[in-house]
Amino acid sequence: MAHRLMQQLFRLSILVFLAGGVTVVAGQALGIVLGDAQWVADVEANVGPPVCIAASISGILSFVLSYGRPEPAGDEKTPDESRSYAAPAPHGH
């Protein structure tokens, strides 16, 4: 349950920081096109900190999720266990 909640929060934080990053870049590009240096600085000053916070949250959640993976239930195999590393058998002619 907690793992699933953290996954959802992680996805939400990724979306927020990616949308915020697009907003920063688009806003600064608009400021450059308009030739307004103050606009470029203001976009970074106003939108940058919340985007950095969202990026930090997603990084922390990613770290926690990497150590908190639930154990497979029953006879389910993890992705590494389901792979076969043996070479295929040669076909005889």
PDB file of N, CA and C in Angstrom:
ATOM      1  N   MET A   1       0.821  -1.196   0.000  1.00  0.00           N
ATOM      2  CA  MET A   1       0.000   0.000   0.000  1.00  0.00           C
ATOM      3  C   MET A   1       0.863   1.257   0.000  1.00  0.00           C
ATOM      4  N   ALA A   2       1.833   1.331   0.925  1.00  0.00           N
ATOM      5  CA  ALA A   2       2.706   2.503   0.993  1.00  0.00           C
ATOM      6  C   ALA A   2       3.561   2.607  -0.268  1.00  0.00           C
ATOM      7  N   HIS A   3       3.978   1.457  -0.781  1.00  0.00           N
ATOM      8  CA  HIS A   3       4.789   1.458  -2.003  1.00  0.00           C
ATOM      9  C   HIS A   3       3.999   2.027  -3.180  1.00  0.00           C
ATOM     10  N   ARG A   4       2.745   1.621  -3.289  1.00  0.00           N
ATOM     11  CA  ARG A   4       1.893   2.109  -4.382  1.00  0.00           C
ATOM     12  C   ARG A   4       1.655   3.621  -4.245  1.00  0.00           C
ATOM     13  N   LEU A   5       1.446   4.106  -3.013  1.00  0.00           N
ATOM     14  CA  LEU A   5       1.257   5.529  -2.770  1.00  0.00           C
ATOM     15  C   LEU A   5       2.512   6.311  -3.173  1.00  0.00           C
ATOM     16  N   MET A   6       3.683   5.790  -2.794  1.00  0.00           N
ATOM     17  CA  MET A   6       4.930   6.471  -3.165  1.00  0.00           C
ATOM     18  C   MET A   6       5.132   6.475  -4.672  1.00  0.00           C
ATOM     19  N   GLN A   7       4.731   5.405  -5.345  1.00  0.00           N
ATOM     20  CA  GLN A   7       4.825   5.372  -6.811  1.00  0.00           C
ATOM     21  C   GLN A   7       3.955   6.460  -7.428  1.00  0.00           C
ATOM     22  N   GLN A   8       2.751   6.625  -6.917  1.00  0.00           N
ATOM     23  CA  GLN A   8       1.853   7.653  -7.439  1.00  0.00           C
ATOM     24  C   GLN A   8       2.409   9.049  -7.168  1.00  0.00           C
ATOM     25  N   LEU A   9       2.943   9.272  -5.971  1.00  0.00           N
ATOM     26  CA  LEU A   9       3.554  10.564  -5.654  1.00  0.00           C
ATOM     27  C   LEU A   9       4.770  10.830  -6.531  1.00  0.00           C
ATOM     28  N   PHE A  10       5.540   9.777  -6.809  1.00  0.00           N
ATOM     29  CA  PHE A  10       6.701   9.907  -7.685  1.00  0.00           C
ATOM     30  C   PHE A  10       6.263  10.328  -9.086  1.00  0.00           C
ATOM     31  N   ARG A  11       5.241   9.671  -9.611  1.00  0.00           N
ATOM     32  CA  ARG A  11       4.746  10.016 -10.949  1.00  0.00           C
ATOM     33  C   ARG A  11       4.237  11.453 -10.992  1.00  0.00           C
ATOM     34  N   LEU A  12       3.515  11.849  -9.954  1.00  0.00           N
ATOM     35  CA  LEU A  12       3.003  13.212  -9.881  1.00  0.00           C
ATOM     36  C   LEU A  12       4.142  14.226  -9.823  1.00  0.00           C
ATOM     37  N   SER A  13       5.162  13.944  -9.008  1.00  0.00           N
ATOM     38  CA  SER A  13       6.286  14.888  -8.899  1.00  0.00           C
ATOM     39  C   SER A  13       7.061  14.980 -10.204  1.00  0.00           C
ATOM     40  N   ILE A  14       7.186  13.872 -10.920  1.00  0.00           N
ATOM     41  CA  ILE A  14       7.854  13.898 -12.236  1.00  0.00           C
ATOM     42  C   ILE A  14       7.075  14.788 -13.193  1.00  0.00           C
ATOM     43  N   LEU A  15       5.759  14.617 -13.220  1.00  0.00           N
ATOM     44  CA  LEU A  15       4.932  15.438 -14.116  1.00  0.00           C
ATOM     45  C   LEU A  15       5.032  16.918 -13.756  1.00  0.00           C
ATOM     46  N   VAL A  16       5.017  17.222 -12.458  1.00  0.00           N
ATOM     47  CA  VAL A  16       5.095  18.625 -12.023  1.00  0.00           C
ATOM     48  C   VAL A  16       6.430  19.231 -12.416  1.00  0.00           C
ATOM     49  N   PHE A  17       7.529  18.513 -12.154  1.00  0.00           N
ATOM     50  CA  PHE A  17       8.813  19.135 -12.469  1.00  0.00           C
ATOM     51  C   PHE A  17       9.083  19.187 -13.972  1.00  0.00           C
ATOM     52  N   LEU A  18       8.573  18.237 -14.742  1.00  0.00           N
ATOM     53  CA  LEU A  18       8.734  18.334 -16.197  1.00  0.00           C
ATOM     54  C   LEU A  18       7.898  19.479 -16.772  1.00  0.00           C
ATOM     55  N   ALA A  19       6.666  19.623 -16.302  1.00  0.00           N
ATOM     56  CA  ALA A  19       5.827  20.738 -16.753  1.00  0.00           C
ATOM     57  C   ALA A  19       6.443  22.068 -16.327  1.00  0.00           C
ATOM     58  N   GLY A  20       6.973  22.117 -15.116  1.00  0.00           N
ATOM     59  CA  GLY A  20       7.634  23.333 -14.652  1.00  0.00           C
ATOM     60  C   GLY A  20       8.872  23.661 -15.473  1.00  0.00           C
ATOM     61  N   GLY A  21       9.630  22.634 -15.834  1.00  0.00           N
ATOM     62  CA  GLY A  21      10.807  22.858 -16.663  1.00  0.00           C
ATOM     63  C   GLY A  21      10.448  23.407 -18.028  1.00  0.00           C
ATOM     64  N   VAL A  22       9.389  22.855 -18.609  1.00  0.00           N
ATOM     65  CA  VAL A  22       8.911  23.369 -19.898  1.00  0.00           C
ATOM     66  C   VAL A  22       8.463  24.821 -19.744  1.00  0.00           C
ATOM     67  N   THR A  23       7.802  25.129 -18.631  1.00  0.00           N
ATOM     68  CA  THR A  23       7.348  26.496 -18.379  1.00  0.00           C
ATOM     69  C   THR A  23       8.528  27.449 -18.266  1.00  0.00           C
ATOM     70  N   VAL A  24       9.572  27.052 -17.548  1.00  0.00           N
ATOM     71  CA  VAL A  24      10.760  27.902 -17.410  1.00  0.00           C
ATOM     72  C   VAL A  24      11.395  28.152 -18.773  1.00  0.00           C
ATOM     73  N   VAL A  25      11.597  27.089 -19.524  1.00  0.00           N
ATOM     74  CA  VAL A  25      12.250  27.228 -20.829  1.00  0.00           C
ATOM     75  C   VAL A  25      11.403  28.070 -21.780  1.00  0.00           C
ATOM     76  N   ALA A  26      10.105  27.794 -21.832  1.00  0.00           N
ATOM     77  CA  ALA A  26       9.227  28.554 -22.725  1.00  0.00           C
ATOM     78  C   ALA A  26       9.155  30.022 -22.297  1.00  0.00           C
ATOM     79  N   GLY A  27       9.065  30.257 -21.002  1.00  0.00           N
ATOM     80  CA  GLY A  27       9.013  31.638 -20.511  1.00  0.00           C
ATOM     81  C   GLY A  27      10.293  32.399 -20.796  1.00  0.00           C
ATOM     82  N   GLN A  28      11.422  31.762 -20.601  1.00  0.00           N
ATOM     83  CA  GLN A  28      12.692  32.425 -20.898  1.00  0.00           C
ATOM     84  C   GLN A  28      12.864  32.640 -22.399  1.00  0.00           C
ATOM     85  N   ALA A  29      12.435  31.675 -23.199  1.00  0.00           N
ATOM     86  CA  ALA A  29      12.508  31.850 -24.651  1.00  0.00           C
ATOM     87  C   ALA A  29      11.645  33.027 -25.094  1.00  0.00           C
ATOM     88  N   LEU A  30      10.474  33.150 -24.493  1.00  0.00           N
ATOM     89  CA  LEU A  30       9.616  34.281 -24.810  1.00  0.00           C
ATOM     90  C   LEU A  30      10.279  35.603 -24.419  1.00  0.00           C
ATOM     91  N   GLY A  31      10.919  35.606 -23.268  1.00  0.00           N
ATOM     92  CA  GLY A  31      11.642  36.807 -22.843  1.00  0.00           C
ATOM     93  C   GLY A  31      12.767  37.173 -23.786  1.00  0.00           C
ATOM     94  N   ILE A  32      13.457  36.161 -24.303  1.00  0.00           N
ATOM     95  CA  ILE A  32      14.538  36.414 -25.264  1.00  0.00           C
ATOM     96  C   ILE A  32      13.961  36.970 -26.559  1.00  0.00           C
ATOM     97  N   VAL A  33      12.867  36.371 -27.034  1.00  0.00           N
ATOM     98  CA  VAL A  33      12.236  36.847 -28.266  1.00  0.00           C
ATOM     99  C   VAL A  33      11.769  38.297 -28.102  1.00  0.00           C
ATOM    100  N   LEU A  34      11.224  38.607 -26.940  1.00  0.00           N
ATOM    101  CA  LEU A  34      10.751  39.970 -26.681  1.00  0.00           C
ATOM    102  C   LEU A  34      11.896  40.939 -26.366  1.00  0.00           C
ATOM    103  N   GLY A  35      13.077  40.384 -26.126  1.00  0.00           N
ATOM    104  CA  GLY A  35      14.221  41.232 -25.796  1.00  0.00           C
ATOM    105  C   GLY A  35      14.132  41.822 -24.401  1.00  0.00           C
ATOM    106  N   ASP A  36      13.452  41.130 -23.491  1.00  0.00           N
ATOM    107  CA  ASP A  36      13.235  41.628 -22.135  1.00  0.00           C
ATOM    108  C   ASP A  36      14.040  40.783 -21.144  1.00  0.00           C
ATOM    109  N   ALA A  37      15.204  41.281 -20.763  1.00  0.00           N
ATOM    110  CA  ALA A  37      16.087  40.551 -19.851  1.00  0.00           C
ATOM    111  C   ALA A  37      15.443  40.375 -18.479  1.00  0.00           C
ATOM    112  N   GLN A  38      14.688  41.342 -18.037  1.00  0.00           N
ATOM    113  CA  GLN A  38      14.038  41.243 -16.731  1.00  0.00           C
ATOM    114  C   GLN A  38      13.013  40.110 -16.712  1.00  0.00           C
ATOM    115  N   TRP A  39      12.305  39.938 -17.827  1.00  0.00           N
ATOM    116  CA  TRP A  39      11.336  38.845 -17.952  1.00  0.00           C
ATOM    117  C   TRP A  39      12.040  37.498 -17.773  1.00  0.00           C
ATOM    118  N   VAL A  40      13.194  37.337 -18.443  1.00  0.00           N
ATOM    119  CA  VAL A  40      13.956  36.090 -18.363  1.00  0.00           C
ATOM    120  C   VAL A  40      14.360  35.826 -16.914  1.00  0.00           C
ATOM    121  N   ALA A  41      14.854  36.855 -16.229  1.00  0.00           N
ATOM    122  CA  ALA A  41      15.271  36.698 -14.837  1.00  0.00           C
ATOM    123  C   ALA A  41      14.077  36.412 -13.930  1.00  0.00           C
ATOM    124  N   ASP A  42      12.960  37.078 -14.184  1.00  0.00           N
ATOM    125  CA  ASP A  42      11.774  36.886 -13.351  1.00  0.00           C
ATOM    126  C   ASP A  42      11.188  35.479 -13.491  1.00  0.00           C
ATOM    127  N   VAL A  43      11.218  34.940 -14.695  1.00  0.00           N
ATOM    128  CA  VAL A  43      10.699  33.582 -14.901  1.00  0.00           C
ATOM    129  C   VAL A  43      11.505  32.597 -14.062  1.00  0.00           C
ATOM    130  N   GLU A  44      12.808  32.726 -14.115  1.00  0.00           N
ATOM    131  CA  GLU A  44      13.658  31.816 -13.346  1.00  0.00           C
ATOM    132  C   GLU A  44      13.459  32.015 -11.848  1.00  0.00           C
ATOM    133  N   ALA A  45      13.343  33.257 -11.416  1.00  0.00           N
ATOM    134  CA  ALA A  45      13.202  33.551  -9.994  1.00  0.00           C
ATOM    135  C   ALA A  45      11.858  33.084  -9.437  1.00  0.00           C
ATOM    136  N   ASN A  46      10.805  33.153 -10.236  1.00  0.00           N
ATOM    137  CA  ASN A  46       9.469  32.806  -9.755  1.00  0.00           C
ATOM    138  C   ASN A  46       9.090  31.349  -9.971  1.00  0.00           C
ATOM    139  N   VAL A  47       9.522  30.773 -11.072  1.00  0.00           N
ATOM    140  CA  VAL A  47       9.121  29.401 -11.395  1.00  0.00           C
ATOM    141  C   VAL A  47      10.219  28.408 -11.015  1.00  0.00           C
ATOM    142  N   GLY A  48      11.456  28.835 -11.030  1.00  0.00           N
ATOM    143  CA  GLY A  48      12.581  27.945 -10.761  1.00  0.00           C
ATOM    144  C   GLY A  48      12.542  27.239  -9.415  1.00  0.00           C
ATOM    145  N   PRO A  49      12.348  27.949  -8.301  1.00  0.00           N
ATOM    146  CA  PRO A  49      12.363  27.269  -6.994  1.00  0.00           C
ATOM    147  C   PRO A  49      11.317  26.159  -6.835  1.00  0.00           C
ATOM    148  N   PRO A  50      10.046  26.374  -7.218  1.00  0.00           N
ATOM    149  CA  PRO A  50       9.099  25.259  -7.099  1.00  0.00           C
ATOM    150  C   PRO A  50       9.471  24.062  -7.986  1.00  0.00           C
ATOM    151  N   VAL A  51      10.048  24.343  -9.152  1.00  0.00           N
ATOM    152  CA  VAL A  51      10.464  23.256 -10.051  1.00  0.00           C
ATOM    153  C   VAL A  51      11.603  22.471  -9.407  1.00  0.00           C
ATOM    154  N   CYS A  52      12.536  23.160  -8.788  1.00  0.00           N
ATOM    155  CA  CYS A  52      13.649  22.478  -8.103  1.00  0.00           C
ATOM    156  C   CYS A  52      13.144  21.651  -6.927  1.00  0.00           C
ATOM    157  N   ILE A  53      12.150  22.154  -6.215  1.00  0.00           N
ATOM    158  CA  ILE A  53      11.567  21.400  -5.104  1.00  0.00           C
ATOM    159  C   ILE A  53      10.904  20.127  -5.624  1.00  0.00           C
ATOM    160  N   ALA A  54      10.134  20.245  -6.697  1.00  0.00           N
ATOM    161  CA  ALA A  54       9.474  19.067  -7.283  1.00  0.00           C
ATOM    162  C   ALA A  54      10.513  18.059  -7.784  1.00  0.00           C
ATOM    163  N   ALA A  55      11.592  18.553  -8.387  1.00  0.00           N
ATOM    164  CA  ALA A  55      12.655  17.658  -8.860  1.00  0.00           C
ATOM    165  C   ALA A  55      13.329  16.960  -7.685  1.00  0.00           C
ATOM    166  N   SER A  56      13.535  17.681  -6.592  1.00  0.00           N
ATOM    167  CA  SER A  56      14.136  17.083  -5.396  1.00  0.00           C
ATOM    168  C   SER A  56      13.237  16.008  -4.806  1.00  0.00           C
ATOM    169  N   ILE A  57      11.951  16.291  -4.748  1.00  0.00           N
ATOM    170  CA  ILE A  57      10.997  15.306  -4.223  1.00  0.00           C
ATOM    171  C   ILE A  57      11.000  14.048  -5.084  1.00  0.00           C
ATOM    172  N   SER A  58      11.015  14.217  -6.400  1.00  0.00           N
ATOM    173  CA  SER A  58      11.011  13.037  -7.267  1.00  0.00           C
ATOM    174  C   SER A  58      12.315  12.253  -7.127  1.00  0.00           C
ATOM    175  N   GLY A  59      13.425  12.944  -6.935  1.00  0.00           N
ATOM    176  CA  GLY A  59      14.696  12.247  -6.723  1.00  0.00           C
ATOM    177  C   GLY A  59      14.709  11.460  -5.430  1.00  0.00           C
ATOM    178  N   ILE A  60      14.198  12.052  -4.359  1.00  0.00           N
ATOM    179  CA  ILE A  60      14.137  11.356  -3.068  1.00  0.00           C
ATOM    180  C   ILE A  60      13.201  10.153  -3.153  1.00  0.00           C
ATOM    181  N   LEU A  61      12.045  10.344  -3.769  1.00  0.00           N
ATOM    182  CA  LEU A  61      11.103   9.228  -3.910  1.00  0.00           C
ATOM    183  C   LEU A  61      11.696   8.113  -4.775  1.00  0.00           C
ATOM    184  N   SER A  62      12.425   8.487  -5.801  1.00  0.00           N
ATOM    185  CA  SER A  62      13.074   7.490  -6.649  1.00  0.00           C
ATOM    186  C   SER A  62      14.071   6.665  -5.845  1.00  0.00           C
ATOM    187  N   PHE A  63      14.845   7.345  -5.011  1.00  0.00           N
ATOM    188  CA  PHE A  63      15.822   6.654  -4.162  1.00  0.00           C
ATOM    189  C   PHE A  63      15.116   5.704  -3.199  1.00  0.00           C
ATOM    190  N   VAL A  64      14.079   6.199  -2.524  1.00  0.00           N
ATOM    191  CA  VAL A  64      13.348   5.372  -1.565  1.00  0.00           C
ATOM    192  C   VAL A  64      12.695   4.183  -2.270  1.00  0.00           C
ATOM    193  N   LEU A  65      12.105   4.423  -3.420  1.00  0.00           N
ATOM    194  CA  LEU A  65      11.457   3.335  -4.154  1.00  0.00           C
ATOM    195  C   LEU A  65      12.452   2.281  -4.621  1.00  0.00           C
ATOM    196  N   SER A  66      13.671   2.678  -4.935  1.00  0.00           N
ATOM    197  CA  SER A  66      14.664   1.702  -5.391  1.00  0.00           C
ATOM    198  C   SER A  66      15.063   0.742  -4.275  1.00  0.00           C
ATOM    199  N   TYR A  67      14.940   1.161  -3.017  1.00  0.00           N
ATOM    200  CA  TYR A  67      15.262   0.287  -1.889  1.00  0.00           C
ATOM    201  C   TYR A  67      14.034  -0.366  -1.283  1.00  0.00           C
ATOM    202  N   GLY A  68      12.858   0.049  -1.668  1.00  0.00           N
ATOM    203  CA  GLY A  68      11.654  -0.469  -1.051  1.00  0.00           C
ATOM    204  C   GLY A  68      10.811  -1.306  -1.973  1.00  0.00           C
ATOM    205  N   ARG A  69      11.415  -1.972  -2.930  1.00  0.00           N
ATOM    206  CA  ARG A  69      10.635  -2.796  -3.854  1.00  0.00           C
ATOM    207  C   ARG A  69      10.023  -3.970  -3.096  1.00  0.00           C
ATOM    208  N   PRO A  70       8.748  -4.219  -3.321  1.00  0.00           N
ATOM    209  CA  PRO A  70       8.128  -5.357  -2.640  1.00  0.00           C
ATOM    210  C   PRO A  70       8.658  -6.675  -3.197  1.00  0.00           C
ATOM    211  N   GLU A  71       8.708  -7.680  -2.352  1.00  0.00           N
ATOM    212  CA  GLU A  71       9.146  -9.010  -2.777  1.00  0.00           C
ATOM    213  C   GLU A  71       8.071  -9.621  -3.666  1.00  0.00           C
ATOM    214  N   PRO A  72       8.477 -10.370  -4.696  1.00  0.00           N
ATOM    215  CA  PRO A  72       7.470 -11.021  -5.533  1.00  0.00           C
ATOM    216  C   PRO A  72       6.671 -12.028  -4.700  1.00  0.00           C
ATOM    217  N   ALA A  73       5.384 -12.085  -4.950  1.00  0.00           N
ATOM    218  CA  ALA A  73       4.513 -13.002  -4.209  1.00  0.00           C
ATOM    219  C   ALA A  73       4.517 -14.374  -4.857  1.00  0.00           C
ATOM    220  N   GLY A  74       4.535 -15.395  -4.049  1.00  0.00           N
ATOM    221  CA  GLY A  74       4.421 -16.761  -4.549  1.00  0.00           C
ATOM    222  C   GLY A  74       5.542 -17.169  -5.466  1.00  0.00           C
ATOM    223  N   ASP A  75       5.177 -17.754  -6.598  1.00  0.00           N
ATOM    224  CA  ASP A  75       6.177 -18.263  -7.531  1.00  0.00           C
ATOM    225  C   ASP A  75       6.478 -17.297  -8.666  1.00  0.00           C
ATOM    226  N   GLU A  76       6.078 -16.029  -8.502  1.00  0.00           N
ATOM    227  CA  GLU A  76       6.396 -15.046  -9.540  1.00  0.00           C
ATOM    228  C   GLU A  76       7.904 -14.856  -9.601  1.00  0.00           C
ATOM    229  N   LYS A  77       8.410 -14.630 -10.779  1.00  0.00           N
ATOM    230  CA  LYS A  77       9.831 -14.413 -10.955  1.00  0.00           C
ATOM    231  C   LYS A  77      10.100 -12.934 -11.188  1.00  0.00           C
ATOM    232  N   THR A  78      11.232 -12.490 -10.684  1.00  0.00           N
ATOM    233  CA  THR A  78      11.643 -11.128 -10.969  1.00  0.00           C
ATOM    234  C   THR A  78      12.142 -11.086 -12.404  1.00  0.00           C
ATOM    235  N   PRO A  79      12.248  -9.897 -13.012  1.00  0.00           N
ATOM    236  CA  PRO A  79      12.707  -9.831 -14.409  1.00  0.00           C
ATOM    237  C   PRO A  79      14.057 -10.497 -14.633  1.00  0.00           C
ATOM    238  N   ASP A  80      14.978 -10.404 -13.665  1.00  0.00           N
ATOM    239  CA  ASP A  80      16.292 -11.012 -13.847  1.00  0.00           C
ATOM    240  C   ASP A  80      16.217 -12.536 -13.823  1.00  0.00           C
ATOM    241  N   GLU A  81      15.317 -13.087 -13.008  1.00  0.00           N
ATOM    242  CA  GLU A  81      15.196 -14.532 -12.916  1.00  0.00           C
ATOM    243  C   GLU A  81      14.505 -15.135 -14.126  1.00  0.00           C
ATOM    244  N   SER A  82      13.705 -14.359 -14.837  1.00  0.00           N
ATOM    245  CA  SER A  82      12.949 -14.899 -15.960  1.00  0.00           C
ATOM    246  C   SER A  82      13.755 -14.902 -17.257  1.00  0.00           C
ATOM    247  N   ARG A  83      14.887 -14.237 -17.251  1.00  0.00           N
ATOM    248  CA  ARG A  83      15.708 -14.212 -18.469  1.00  0.00           C
ATOM    249  C   ARG A  83      16.539 -15.485 -18.572  1.00  0.00           C
ATOM    250  N   SER A  84      16.728 -15.926 -19.773  1.00  0.00           N
ATOM    251  CA  SER A  84      17.589 -17.074 -20.008  1.00  0.00           C
ATOM    252  C   SER A  84      18.865 -16.561 -20.658  1.00  0.00           C
ATOM    253  N   TYR A  85      19.983 -16.871 -20.001  1.00  0.00           N
ATOM    254  CA  TYR A  85      21.257 -16.397 -20.518  1.00  0.00           C
ATOM    255  C   TYR A  85      21.977 -17.487 -21.318  1.00  0.00           C
ATOM    256  N   ALA A  86      21.342 -18.633 -21.459  1.00  0.00           N
ATOM    257  CA  ALA A  86      21.953 -19.717 -22.212  1.00  0.00           C
ATOM    258  C   ALA A  86      21.816 -19.434 -23.707  1.00  0.00           C
ATOM    259  N   ALA A  87      22.830 -19.838 -24.440  1.00  0.00           N
ATOM    260  CA  ALA A  87      22.791 -19.677 -25.893  1.00  0.00           C
ATOM    261  C   ALA A  87      21.753 -20.635 -26.458  1.00  0.00           C
ATOM    262  N   PRO A  88      21.050 -20.224 -27.518  1.00  0.00           N
ATOM    263  CA  PRO A  88      20.066 -21.121 -28.117  1.00  0.00           C
ATOM    264  C   PRO A  88      20.735 -22.367 -28.680  1.00  0.00           C
ATOM    265  N   ALA A  89      20.003 -23.473 -28.625  1.00  0.00           N
ATOM    266  CA  ALA A  89      20.548 -24.724 -29.146  1.00  0.00           C
ATOM    267  C   ALA A  89      20.668 -24.642 -30.661  1.00  0.00           C
ATOM    268  N   PRO A  90      21.791 -25.149 -31.206  1.00  0.00           N
ATOM    269  CA  PRO A  90      21.953 -25.101 -32.670  1.00  0.00           C
ATOM    270  C   PRO A  90      20.959 -26.037 -33.355  1.00  0.00           C
ATOM    271  N   HIS A  91      20.518 -25.629 -34.514  1.00  0.00           N
ATOM    272  CA  HIS A  91      19.584 -26.448 -35.295  1.00  0.00           C
ATOM    273  C   HIS A  91      20.392 -27.386 -36.188  1.00  0.00           C
ATOM    274  N   GLY A  92      20.053 -28.658 -36.138  1.00  0.00           N
ATOM    275  CA  GLY A  92      20.772 -29.637 -36.954  1.00  0.00           C
ATOM    276  C   GLY A  92      20.185 -29.725 -38.355  1.00  0.00           C
ATOM    277  N   HIS A  93      21.025 -29.990 -39.344  1.00  0.00           N
ATOM    278  CA  HIS A  93      20.557 -30.146 -40.714  1.00  0.00           C
ATOM    279  C   HIS A  93      20.706 -31.546 -41.164  1.00  0.00           C
TER     280      HIS A  93
END
